[in-house]
Amino acid sequence: MPKFFLIAVFAATTAHAGLDVTVAAADVRTPEAIQPIEPAQRPDASTLAAKRQAMIQQKMIMQTQMMMRKQMAMQREMQLHPICTRIHFGLLKLKRKMHYAFR
């Protein structure tokens, strides 16, 4: 039902706007007459290595930024609630140790 409604609305809208929605003339030439599209040349190894290195560096920068954000958040939390934060991280550490002990 919704699909039919959308088609009806589209048809009414295009008819109201006076748009021509007929199929454009297709390319009816024989396959031999159509020029083949040349495949793009593959970049050489040095270009690929440079791109890979740039992506690795960008990933490292993003990881260091994320670590800095986490450290800043932890410092902020420690300043606001020192005792609660220490208890919280102590419980997380205990939970991690128990997880590894009873795997």
PDB file of N, CA and C in Angstrom:
ATOM      1  N   MET A   1       0.814  -1.199   0.000  1.00  0.00           N
ATOM      2  CA  MET A   1       0.000   0.000   0.000  1.00  0.00           C
ATOM      3  C   MET A   1       0.859   1.265   0.000  1.00  0.00           C
ATOM      4  N   PRO A   2       1.863   1.387   0.913  1.00  0.00           N
ATOM      5  CA  PRO A   2       2.671   2.606   0.907  1.00  0.00           C
ATOM      6  C   PRO A   2       3.440   2.786  -0.397  1.00  0.00           C
ATOM      7  N   LYS A   3       3.901   1.674  -0.978  1.00  0.00           N
ATOM      8  CA  LYS A   3       4.663   1.773  -2.218  1.00  0.00           C
ATOM      9  C   LYS A   3       3.772   2.320  -3.338  1.00  0.00           C
ATOM     10  N   PHE A   4       2.537   1.808  -3.403  1.00  0.00           N
ATOM     11  CA  PHE A   4       1.603   2.291  -4.420  1.00  0.00           C
ATOM     12  C   PHE A   4       1.301   3.768  -4.212  1.00  0.00           C
ATOM     13  N   PHE A   5       1.147   4.159  -2.943  1.00  0.00           N
ATOM     14  CA  PHE A   5       0.862   5.556  -2.626  1.00  0.00           C
ATOM     15  C   PHE A   5       2.006   6.459  -3.084  1.00  0.00           C
ATOM     16  N   LEU A   6       3.263   6.035  -2.847  1.00  0.00           N
ATOM     17  CA  LEU A   6       4.403   6.840  -3.270  1.00  0.00           C
ATOM     18  C   LEU A   6       4.476   6.959  -4.789  1.00  0.00           C
ATOM     19  N   ILE A   7       4.191   5.866  -5.473  1.00  0.00           N
ATOM     20  CA  ILE A   7       4.221   5.911  -6.933  1.00  0.00           C
ATOM     21  C   ILE A   7       3.142   6.845  -7.451  1.00  0.00           C
ATOM     22  N   ALA A   8       1.955   6.767  -6.846  1.00  0.00           N
ATOM     23  CA  ALA A   8       0.862   7.630  -7.285  1.00  0.00           C
ATOM     24  C   ALA A   8       1.196   9.098  -7.037  1.00  0.00           C
ATOM     25  N   VAL A   9       1.790   9.390  -5.872  1.00  0.00           N
ATOM     26  CA  VAL A   9       2.164  10.769  -5.552  1.00  0.00           C
ATOM     27  C   VAL A   9       3.234  11.263  -6.513  1.00  0.00           C
ATOM     28  N   PHE A  10       4.220  10.412  -6.817  1.00  0.00           N
ATOM     29  CA  PHE A  10       5.286  10.791  -7.745  1.00  0.00           C
ATOM     30  C   PHE A  10       4.713  11.079  -9.128  1.00  0.00           C
ATOM     31  N   ALA A  11       3.812  10.207  -9.595  1.00  0.00           N
ATOM     32  CA  ALA A  11       3.230  10.391 -10.926  1.00  0.00           C
ATOM     33  C   ALA A  11       2.405  11.677 -10.973  1.00  0.00           C
ATOM     34  N   ALA A  12       1.642  11.916  -9.915  1.00  0.00           N
ATOM     35  CA  ALA A  12       0.809  13.124  -9.896  1.00  0.00           C
ATOM     36  C   ALA A  12       1.682  14.372  -9.839  1.00  0.00           C
ATOM     37  N   THR A  13       2.760  14.318  -9.064  1.00  0.00           N
ATOM     38  CA  THR A  13       3.641  15.470  -8.934  1.00  0.00           C
ATOM     39  C   THR A  13       4.337  15.785 -10.253  1.00  0.00           C
ATOM     40  N   THR A  14       4.840  14.761 -10.913  1.00  0.00           N
ATOM     41  CA  THR A  14       5.547  14.996 -12.181  1.00  0.00           C
ATOM     42  C   THR A  14       4.584  15.458 -13.260  1.00  0.00           C
ATOM     43  N   ALA A  15       3.360  14.923 -13.248  1.00  0.00           N
ATOM     44  CA  ALA A  15       2.378  15.356 -14.245  1.00  0.00           C
ATOM     45  C   ALA A  15       1.974  16.800 -13.995  1.00  0.00           C
ATOM     46  N   HIS A  16       1.843  17.151 -12.723  1.00  0.00           N
ATOM     47  CA  HIS A  16       1.464  18.521 -12.379  1.00  0.00           C
ATOM     48  C   HIS A  16       2.581  19.508 -12.752  1.00  0.00           C
ATOM     49  N   ALA A  17       3.827  19.088 -12.560  1.00  0.00           N
ATOM     50  CA  ALA A  17       4.950  19.964 -12.855  1.00  0.00           C
ATOM     51  C   ALA A  17       5.251  20.018 -14.345  1.00  0.00           C
ATOM     52  N   GLY A  18       4.673  19.107 -15.111  1.00  0.00           N
ATOM     53  CA  GLY A  18       4.890  19.107 -16.548  1.00  0.00           C
ATOM     54  C   GLY A  18       6.228  18.502 -16.938  1.00  0.00           C
ATOM     55  N   LEU A  19       6.773  17.631 -16.096  1.00  0.00           N
ATOM     56  CA  LEU A  19       8.052  17.003 -16.396  1.00  0.00           C
ATOM     57  C   LEU A  19       7.842  15.806 -17.312  1.00  0.00           C
ATOM     58  N   ASP A  20       8.800  15.570 -18.176  1.00  0.00           N
ATOM     59  CA  ASP A  20       8.744  14.425 -19.068  1.00  0.00           C
ATOM     60  C   ASP A  20       9.463  13.277 -18.381  1.00  0.00           C
ATOM     61  N   VAL A  21       8.725  12.219 -18.029  1.00  0.00           N
ATOM     62  CA  VAL A  21       9.321  11.097 -17.309  1.00  0.00           C
ATOM     63  C   VAL A  21       9.505   9.883 -18.204  1.00  0.00           C
ATOM     64  N   THR A  22       9.488  10.073 -19.525  1.00  0.00           N
ATOM     65  CA  THR A  22       9.685   8.954 -20.435  1.00  0.00           C
ATOM     66  C   THR A  22      11.153   8.577 -20.440  1.00  0.00           C
ATOM     67  N   VAL A  23      11.418   7.358 -20.850  1.00  0.00           N
ATOM     68  CA  VAL A  23      12.789   6.861 -20.885  1.00  0.00           C
ATOM     69  C   VAL A  23      13.539   7.554 -22.014  1.00  0.00           C
ATOM     70  N   ALA A  24      14.742   8.001 -21.729  1.00  0.00           N
ATOM     71  CA  ALA A  24      15.557   8.670 -22.746  1.00  0.00           C
ATOM     72  C   ALA A  24      15.992   7.654 -23.789  1.00  0.00           C
ATOM     73  N   ALA A  25      16.377   8.150 -24.955  1.00  0.00           N
ATOM     74  CA  ALA A  25      16.814   7.272 -26.032  1.00  0.00           C
ATOM     75  C   ALA A  25      18.060   6.511 -25.599  1.00  0.00           C
ATOM     76  N   ALA A  26      17.983   5.197 -25.691  1.00  0.00           N
ATOM     77  CA  ALA A  26      19.101   4.355 -25.266  1.00  0.00           C
ATOM     78  C   ALA A  26      20.125   4.261 -26.389  1.00  0.00           C
ATOM     79  N   ASP A  27      21.354   3.903 -25.994  1.00  0.00           N
ATOM     80  CA  ASP A  27      22.422   3.731 -26.967  1.00  0.00           C
ATOM     81  C   ASP A  27      22.198   2.377 -27.645  1.00  0.00           C
ATOM     82  N   VAL A  28      21.770   2.389 -28.893  1.00  0.00           N
ATOM     83  CA  VAL A  28      21.404   1.154 -29.589  1.00  0.00           C
ATOM     84  C   VAL A  28      22.482   0.708 -30.569  1.00  0.00           C
ATOM     85  N   ARG A  29      23.675   1.253 -30.473  1.00  0.00           N
ATOM     86  CA  ARG A  29      24.753   0.833 -31.375  1.00  0.00           C
ATOM     87  C   ARG A  29      25.183  -0.587 -31.029  1.00  0.00           C
ATOM     88  N   THR A  30      25.807  -1.220 -31.970  1.00  0.00           N
ATOM     89  CA  THR A  30      26.287  -2.577 -31.728  1.00  0.00           C
ATOM     90  C   THR A  30      27.458  -2.518 -30.757  1.00  0.00           C
ATOM     91  N   PRO A  31      27.682  -3.605 -30.030  1.00  0.00           N
ATOM     92  CA  PRO A  31      28.785  -3.601 -29.060  1.00  0.00           C
ATOM     93  C   PRO A  31      30.143  -3.325 -29.685  1.00  0.00           C
ATOM     94  N   GLU A  32      30.332  -3.677 -30.967  1.00  0.00           N
ATOM     95  CA  GLU A  32      31.616  -3.435 -31.603  1.00  0.00           C
ATOM     96  C   GLU A  32      31.845  -1.943 -31.829  1.00  0.00           C
ATOM     97  N   ALA A  33      30.758  -1.190 -32.031  1.00  0.00           N
ATOM     98  CA  ALA A  33      30.889   0.232 -32.318  1.00  0.00           C
ATOM     99  C   ALA A  33      31.157   1.059 -31.063  1.00  0.00           C
ATOM    100  N   ILE A  34      30.853   0.499 -29.917  1.00  0.00           N
ATOM    101  CA  ILE A  34      31.060   1.239 -28.676  1.00  0.00           C
ATOM    102  C   ILE A  34      32.540   1.131 -28.290  1.00  0.00           C
ATOM    103  N   GLN A  35      33.162   2.266 -28.018  1.00  0.00           N
ATOM    104  CA  GLN A  35      34.579   2.279 -27.657  1.00  0.00           C
ATOM    105  C   GLN A  35      34.750   1.716 -26.251  1.00  0.00           C
ATOM    106  N   PRO A  36      35.670   0.798 -26.062  1.00  0.00           N
ATOM    107  CA  PRO A  36      35.879   0.261 -24.715  1.00  0.00           C
ATOM    108  C   PRO A  36      36.501   1.326 -23.803  1.00  0.00           C
ATOM    109  N   ILE A  37      36.110   1.281 -22.567  1.00  0.00           N
ATOM    110  CA  ILE A  37      36.659   2.225 -21.597  1.00  0.00           C
ATOM    111  C   ILE A  37      37.996   1.685 -21.107  1.00  0.00           C
ATOM    112  N   GLU A  38      39.009   2.511 -21.179  1.00  0.00           N
ATOM    113  CA  GLU A  38      40.335   2.090 -20.737  1.00  0.00           C
ATOM    114  C   GLU A  38      40.351   1.992 -19.210  1.00  0.00           C
ATOM    115  N   PRO A  39      40.841   0.891 -18.678  1.00  0.00           N
ATOM    116  CA  PRO A  39      40.921   0.798 -17.216  1.00  0.00           C
ATOM    117  C   PRO A  39      41.940   1.794 -16.688  1.00  0.00           C
ATOM    118  N   ALA A  40      41.674   2.306 -15.530  1.00  0.00           N
ATOM    119  CA  ALA A  40      42.598   3.278 -14.922  1.00  0.00           C
ATOM    120  C   ALA A  40      43.911   2.582 -14.597  1.00  0.00           C
ATOM    121  N   GLN A  41      44.988   3.306 -14.806  1.00  0.00           N
ATOM    122  CA  GLN A  41      46.285   2.711 -14.509  1.00  0.00           C
ATOM    123  C   GLN A  41      46.444   2.570 -13.007  1.00  0.00           C
ATOM    124  N   ARG A  42      47.043   1.474 -12.612  1.00  0.00           N
ATOM    125  CA  ARG A  42      47.280   1.252 -11.195  1.00  0.00           C
ATOM    126  C   ARG A  42      48.438   2.122 -10.754  1.00  0.00           C
ATOM    127  N   PRO A  43      48.302   2.742  -9.586  1.00  0.00           N
ATOM    128  CA  PRO A  43      49.418   3.555  -9.104  1.00  0.00           C
ATOM    129  C   PRO A  43      50.620   2.671  -8.792  1.00  0.00           C
ATOM    130  N   ASP A  44      51.789   3.242  -8.915  1.00  0.00           N
ATOM    131  CA  ASP A  44      52.994   2.458  -8.680  1.00  0.00           C
ATOM    132  C   ASP A  44      53.154   2.180  -7.181  1.00  0.00           C
ATOM    133  N   ALA A  45      54.110   1.314  -6.871  1.00  0.00           N
ATOM    134  CA  ALA A  45      54.300   0.841  -5.503  1.00  0.00           C
ATOM    135  C   ALA A  45      54.685   1.968  -4.548  1.00  0.00           C
ATOM    136  N   SER A  46      55.468   2.930  -5.019  1.00  0.00           N
ATOM    137  CA  SER A  46      55.897   4.010  -4.126  1.00  0.00           C
ATOM    138  C   SER A  46      54.708   4.889  -3.724  1.00  0.00           C
ATOM    139  N   THR A  47      53.786   5.116  -4.669  1.00  0.00           N
ATOM    140  CA  THR A  47      52.596   5.905  -4.351  1.00  0.00           C
ATOM    141  C   THR A  47      51.727   5.180  -3.341  1.00  0.00           C
ATOM    142  N   LEU A  48      51.550   3.871  -3.557  1.00  0.00           N
ATOM    143  CA  LEU A  48      50.760   3.083  -2.613  1.00  0.00           C
ATOM    144  C   LEU A  48      51.412   3.058  -1.236  1.00  0.00           C
ATOM    145  N   ALA A  49      52.737   2.924  -1.197  1.00  0.00           N
ATOM    146  CA  ALA A  49      53.442   2.904   0.084  1.00  0.00           C
ATOM    147  C   ALA A  49      53.315   4.240   0.801  1.00  0.00           C
ATOM    148  N   ALA A  50      53.388   5.327   0.054  1.00  0.00           N
ATOM    149  CA  ALA A  50      53.250   6.650   0.656  1.00  0.00           C
ATOM    150  C   ALA A  50      51.846   6.844   1.227  1.00  0.00           C
ATOM    151  N   LYS A  51      50.833   6.394   0.488  1.00  0.00           N
ATOM    152  CA  LYS A  51      49.459   6.502   0.985  1.00  0.00           C
ATOM    153  C   LYS A  51      49.272   5.660   2.241  1.00  0.00           C
ATOM    154  N   ARG A  52      49.821   4.457   2.206  1.00  0.00           N
ATOM    155  CA  ARG A  52      49.708   3.563   3.365  1.00  0.00           C
ATOM    156  C   ARG A  52      50.394   4.168   4.575  1.00  0.00           C
ATOM    157  N   GLN A  53      51.569   4.730   4.368  1.00  0.00           N
ATOM    158  CA  GLN A  53      52.314   5.350   5.461  1.00  0.00           C
ATOM    159  C   GLN A  53      51.549   6.544   6.027  1.00  0.00           C
ATOM    160  N   ALA A  54      50.938   7.340   5.141  1.00  0.00           N
ATOM    161  CA  ALA A  54      50.158   8.492   5.594  1.00  0.00           C
ATOM    162  C   ALA A  54      48.951   8.049   6.409  1.00  0.00           C
ATOM    163  N   MET A  55      48.309   6.976   5.982  1.00  0.00           N
ATOM    164  CA  MET A  55      47.162   6.468   6.732  1.00  0.00           C
ATOM    165  C   MET A  55      47.582   5.931   8.093  1.00  0.00           C
ATOM    166  N   ILE A  56      48.729   5.262   8.142  1.00  0.00           N
ATOM    167  CA  ILE A  56      49.236   4.746   9.417  1.00  0.00           C
ATOM    168  C   ILE A  56      49.557   5.896  10.360  1.00  0.00           C
ATOM    169  N   GLN A  57      50.200   6.941   9.839  1.00  0.00           N
ATOM    170  CA  GLN A  57      50.522   8.100  10.674  1.00  0.00           C
ATOM    171  C   GLN A  57      49.258   8.787  11.177  1.00  0.00           C
ATOM    172  N   GLN A  58      48.260   8.906  10.309  1.00  0.00           N
ATOM    173  CA  GLN A  58      47.003   9.529  10.721  1.00  0.00           C
ATOM    174  C   GLN A  58      46.330   8.707  11.812  1.00  0.00           C
ATOM    175  N   LYS A  59      46.373   7.381  11.670  1.00  0.00           N
ATOM    176  CA  LYS A  59      45.783   6.505  12.682  1.00  0.00           C
ATOM    177  C   LYS A  59      46.516   6.647  14.013  1.00  0.00           C
ATOM    178  N   MET A  60      47.847   6.731  13.967  1.00  0.00           N
ATOM    179  CA  MET A  60      48.636   6.898  15.193  1.00  0.00           C
ATOM    180  C   MET A  60      48.301   8.221  15.871  1.00  0.00           C
ATOM    181  N   ILE A  61      48.178   9.284  15.076  1.00  0.00           N
ATOM    182  CA  ILE A  61      47.839  10.598  15.640  1.00  0.00           C
ATOM    183  C   ILE A  61      46.474  10.547  16.306  1.00  0.00           C
ATOM    184  N   MET A  62      45.519   9.893  15.648  1.00  0.00           N
ATOM    185  CA  MET A  62      44.178   9.797  16.222  1.00  0.00           C
ATOM    186  C   MET A  62      44.197   8.989  17.517  1.00  0.00           C
ATOM    187  N   GLN A  63      44.997   7.924  17.575  1.00  0.00           N
ATOM    188  CA  GLN A  63      45.088   7.121  18.789  1.00  0.00           C
ATOM    189  C   GLN A  63      45.708   7.927  19.927  1.00  0.00           C
ATOM    190  N   THR A  64      46.760   8.693  19.625  1.00  0.00           N
ATOM    191  CA  THR A  64      47.384   9.490  20.683  1.00  0.00           C
ATOM    192  C   THR A  64      46.426  10.576  21.169  1.00  0.00           C
ATOM    193  N   GLN A  65      45.658  11.180  20.249  1.00  0.00           N
ATOM    194  CA  GLN A  65      44.669  12.175  20.667  1.00  0.00           C
ATOM    195  C   GLN A  65      43.614  11.549  21.568  1.00  0.00           C
ATOM    196  N   MET A  66      43.192  10.335  21.229  1.00  0.00           N
ATOM    197  CA  MET A  66      42.186   9.654  22.041  1.00  0.00           C
ATOM    198  C   MET A  66      42.745   9.337  23.427  1.00  0.00           C
ATOM    199  N   MET A  67      44.001   8.900  23.490  1.00  0.00           N
ATOM    200  CA  MET A  67      44.618   8.621  24.788  1.00  0.00           C
ATOM    201  C   MET A  67      44.736   9.883  25.623  1.00  0.00           C
ATOM    202  N   MET A  68      45.108  10.978  24.971  1.00  0.00           N
ATOM    203  CA  MET A  68      45.210  12.255  25.686  1.00  0.00           C
ATOM    204  C   MET A  68      43.854  12.675  26.248  1.00  0.00           C
ATOM    205  N   ARG A  69      42.803  12.486  25.445  1.00  0.00           N
ATOM    206  CA  ARG A  69      41.458  12.832  25.927  1.00  0.00           C
ATOM    207  C   ARG A  69      41.078  12.004  27.143  1.00  0.00           C
ATOM    208  N   LYS A  70      41.395  10.703  27.098  1.00  0.00           N
ATOM    209  CA  LYS A  70      41.078   9.828  28.225  1.00  0.00           C
ATOM    210  C   LYS A  70      41.854  10.243  29.472  1.00  0.00           C
ATOM    211  N   GLN A  71      43.132  10.560  29.299  1.00  0.00           N
ATOM    212  CA  GLN A  71      43.940  10.982  30.442  1.00  0.00           C
ATOM    213  C   GLN A  71      43.425  12.291  31.024  1.00  0.00           C
ATOM    214  N   MET A  72      43.051  13.232  30.150  1.00  0.00           N
ATOM    215  CA  MET A  72      42.514  14.507  30.630  1.00  0.00           C
ATOM    216  C   MET A  72      41.205  14.288  31.393  1.00  0.00           C
ATOM    217  N   ALA A  73      40.365  13.399  30.885  1.00  0.00           N
ATOM    218  CA  ALA A  73      39.097  13.112  31.556  1.00  0.00           C
ATOM    219  C   ALA A  73      39.344  12.466  32.913  1.00  0.00           C
ATOM    220  N   MET A  74      40.332  11.572  32.983  1.00  0.00           N
ATOM    221  CA  MET A  74      40.641  10.926  34.252  1.00  0.00           C
ATOM    222  C   MET A  74      41.181  11.944  35.255  1.00  0.00           C
ATOM    223  N   GLN A  75      42.047  12.839  34.803  1.00  0.00           N
ATOM    224  CA  GLN A  75      42.575  13.870  35.697  1.00  0.00           C
ATOM    225  C   GLN A  75      41.460  14.786  36.192  1.00  0.00           C
ATOM    226  N   ARG A  76      40.549  15.136  35.300  1.00  0.00           N
ATOM    227  CA  ARG A  76      39.422  15.983  35.686  1.00  0.00           C
ATOM    228  C   ARG A  76      38.556  15.278  36.725  1.00  0.00           C
ATOM    229  N   GLU A  77      38.312  13.985  36.498  1.00  0.00           N
ATOM    230  CA  GLU A  77      37.513  13.195  37.426  1.00  0.00           C
ATOM    231  C   GLU A  77      38.207  13.073  38.783  1.00  0.00           C
ATOM    232  N   MET A  78      39.535  12.895  38.747  1.00  0.00           N
ATOM    233  CA  MET A  78      40.297  12.774  40.004  1.00  0.00           C
ATOM    234  C   MET A  78      40.245  14.075  40.795  1.00  0.00           C
ATOM    235  N   GLN A  79      40.258  15.203  40.106  1.00  0.00           N
ATOM    236  CA  GLN A  79      40.192  16.484  40.809  1.00  0.00           C
ATOM    237  C   GLN A  79      38.822  16.711  41.421  1.00  0.00           C
ATOM    238  N   LEU A  80      37.786  16.290  40.716  1.00  0.00           N
ATOM    239  CA  LEU A  80      36.434  16.514  41.218  1.00  0.00           C
ATOM    240  C   LEU A  80      36.056  15.540  42.338  1.00  0.00           C
ATOM    241  N   HIS A  81      36.349  14.254  42.133  1.00  0.00           N
ATOM    242  CA  HIS A  81      35.952  13.219  43.096  1.00  0.00           C
ATOM    243  C   HIS A  81      37.103  12.251  43.310  1.00  0.00           C
ATOM    244  N   PRO A  82      38.110  12.622  44.091  1.00  0.00           N
ATOM    245  CA  PRO A  82      39.300  11.768  44.206  1.00  0.00           C
ATOM    246  C   PRO A  82      39.017  10.401  44.830  1.00  0.00           C
ATOM    247  N   ILE A  83      38.238  10.339  45.878  1.00  0.00           N
ATOM    248  CA  ILE A  83      38.026   9.066  46.572  1.00  0.00           C
ATOM    249  C   ILE A  83      37.152   8.146  45.721  1.00  0.00           C
ATOM    250  N   CYS A  84      36.058   8.679  45.210  1.00  0.00           N
ATOM    251  CA  CYS A  84      35.154   7.858  44.381  1.00  0.00           C
ATOM    252  C   CYS A  84      35.870   7.335  43.140  1.00  0.00           C
ATOM    253  N   THR A  85      36.704   8.151  42.555  1.00  0.00           N
ATOM    254  CA  THR A  85      37.415   7.734  41.344  1.00  0.00           C
ATOM    255  C   THR A  85      38.392   6.616  41.652  1.00  0.00           C
ATOM    256  N   ARG A  86      39.117   6.733  42.745  1.00  0.00           N
ATOM    257  CA  ARG A  86      40.060   5.665  43.121  1.00  0.00           C
ATOM    258  C   ARG A  86      39.319   4.367  43.407  1.00  0.00           C
ATOM    259  N   ILE A  87      38.182   4.460  44.085  1.00  0.00           N
ATOM    260  CA  ILE A  87      37.394   3.251  44.366  1.00  0.00           C
ATOM    261  C   ILE A  87      36.887   2.649  43.056  1.00  0.00           C
ATOM    262  N   HIS A  88      36.429   3.505  42.171  1.00  0.00           N
ATOM    263  CA  HIS A  88      35.903   3.037  40.889  1.00  0.00           C
ATOM    264  C   HIS A  88      36.972   2.300  40.089  1.00  0.00           C
ATOM    265  N   PHE A  89      38.160   2.904  39.972  1.00  0.00           N
ATOM    266  CA  PHE A  89      39.221   2.258  39.199  1.00  0.00           C
ATOM    267  C   PHE A  89      39.754   1.021  39.906  1.00  0.00           C
ATOM    268  N   GLY A  90      39.734   1.022  41.228  1.00  0.00           N
ATOM    269  CA  GLY A  90      40.121  -0.179  41.970  1.00  0.00           C
ATOM    270  C   GLY A  90      39.167  -1.328  41.698  1.00  0.00           C
ATOM    271  N   LEU A  91      37.866  -1.029  41.649  1.00  0.00           N
ATOM    272  CA  LEU A  91      36.885  -2.074  41.334  1.00  0.00           C
ATOM    273  C   LEU A  91      37.036  -2.574  39.905  1.00  0.00           C
ATOM    274  N   LEU A  92      37.319  -1.678  38.985  1.00  0.00           N
ATOM    275  CA  LEU A  92      37.542  -2.105  37.603  1.00  0.00           C
ATOM    276  C   LEU A  92      38.762  -3.015  37.487  1.00  0.00           C
ATOM    277  N   LYS A  93      39.818  -2.678  38.223  1.00  0.00           N
ATOM    278  CA  LYS A  93      41.032  -3.490  38.203  1.00  0.00           C
ATOM    279  C   LYS A  93      40.761  -4.868  38.801  1.00  0.00           C
ATOM    280  N   LEU A  94      40.013  -4.910  39.905  1.00  0.00           N
ATOM    281  CA  LEU A  94      39.654  -6.180  40.532  1.00  0.00           C
ATOM    282  C   LEU A  94      38.795  -7.020  39.589  1.00  0.00           C
ATOM    283  N   LYS A  95      37.849  -6.385  38.940  1.00  0.00           N
ATOM    284  CA  LYS A  95      36.983  -7.086  37.998  1.00  0.00           C
ATOM    285  C   LYS A  95      37.800  -7.698  36.863  1.00  0.00           C
ATOM    286  N   ARG A  96      38.774  -6.930  36.332  1.00  0.00           N
ATOM    287  CA  ARG A  96      39.629  -7.425  35.255  1.00  0.00           C
ATOM    288  C   ARG A  96      40.456  -8.621  35.721  1.00  0.00           C
ATOM    289  N   LYS A  97      41.007  -8.530  36.938  1.00  0.00           N
ATOM    290  CA  LYS A  97      41.813  -9.647  37.463  1.00  0.00           C
ATOM    291  C   LYS A  97      40.955 -10.892  37.650  1.00  0.00           C
ATOM    292  N   MET A  98      39.743 -10.718  38.152  1.00  0.00           N
ATOM    293  CA  MET A  98      38.856 -11.865  38.354  1.00  0.00           C
ATOM    294  C   MET A  98      38.459 -12.486  37.019  1.00  0.00           C
ATOM    295  N   HIS A  99      38.253 -11.649  36.033  1.00  0.00           N
ATOM    296  CA  HIS A  99      37.898 -12.154  34.709  1.00  0.00           C
ATOM    297  C   HIS A  99      39.011 -13.032  34.157  1.00  0.00           C
ATOM    298  N   TYR A 100      40.251 -12.571  34.281  1.00  0.00           N
ATOM    299  CA  TYR A 100      41.383 -13.348  33.772  1.00  0.00           C
ATOM    300  C   TYR A 100      41.641 -14.580  34.618  1.00  0.00           C
ATOM    301  N   ALA A 101      41.355 -14.526  35.924  1.00  0.00           N
ATOM    302  CA  ALA A 101      41.605 -15.670  36.799  1.00  0.00           C
ATOM    303  C   ALA A 101      40.617 -16.795  36.547  1.00  0.00           C
ATOM    304  N   PHE A 102      39.371 -16.484  36.233  1.00  0.00           N
ATOM    305  CA  PHE A 102      38.353 -17.503  36.087  1.00  0.00           C
ATOM    306  C   PHE A 102      37.810 -17.636  34.673  1.00  0.00           C
ATOM    307  N   ARG A 103      38.702 -17.538  33.712  1.00  0.00           N
ATOM    308  CA  ARG A 103      38.299 -17.700  32.312  1.00  0.00           C
ATOM    309  C   ARG A 103      37.978 -19.103  31.999  1.00  0.00           C
TER     310      ARG A 103
END
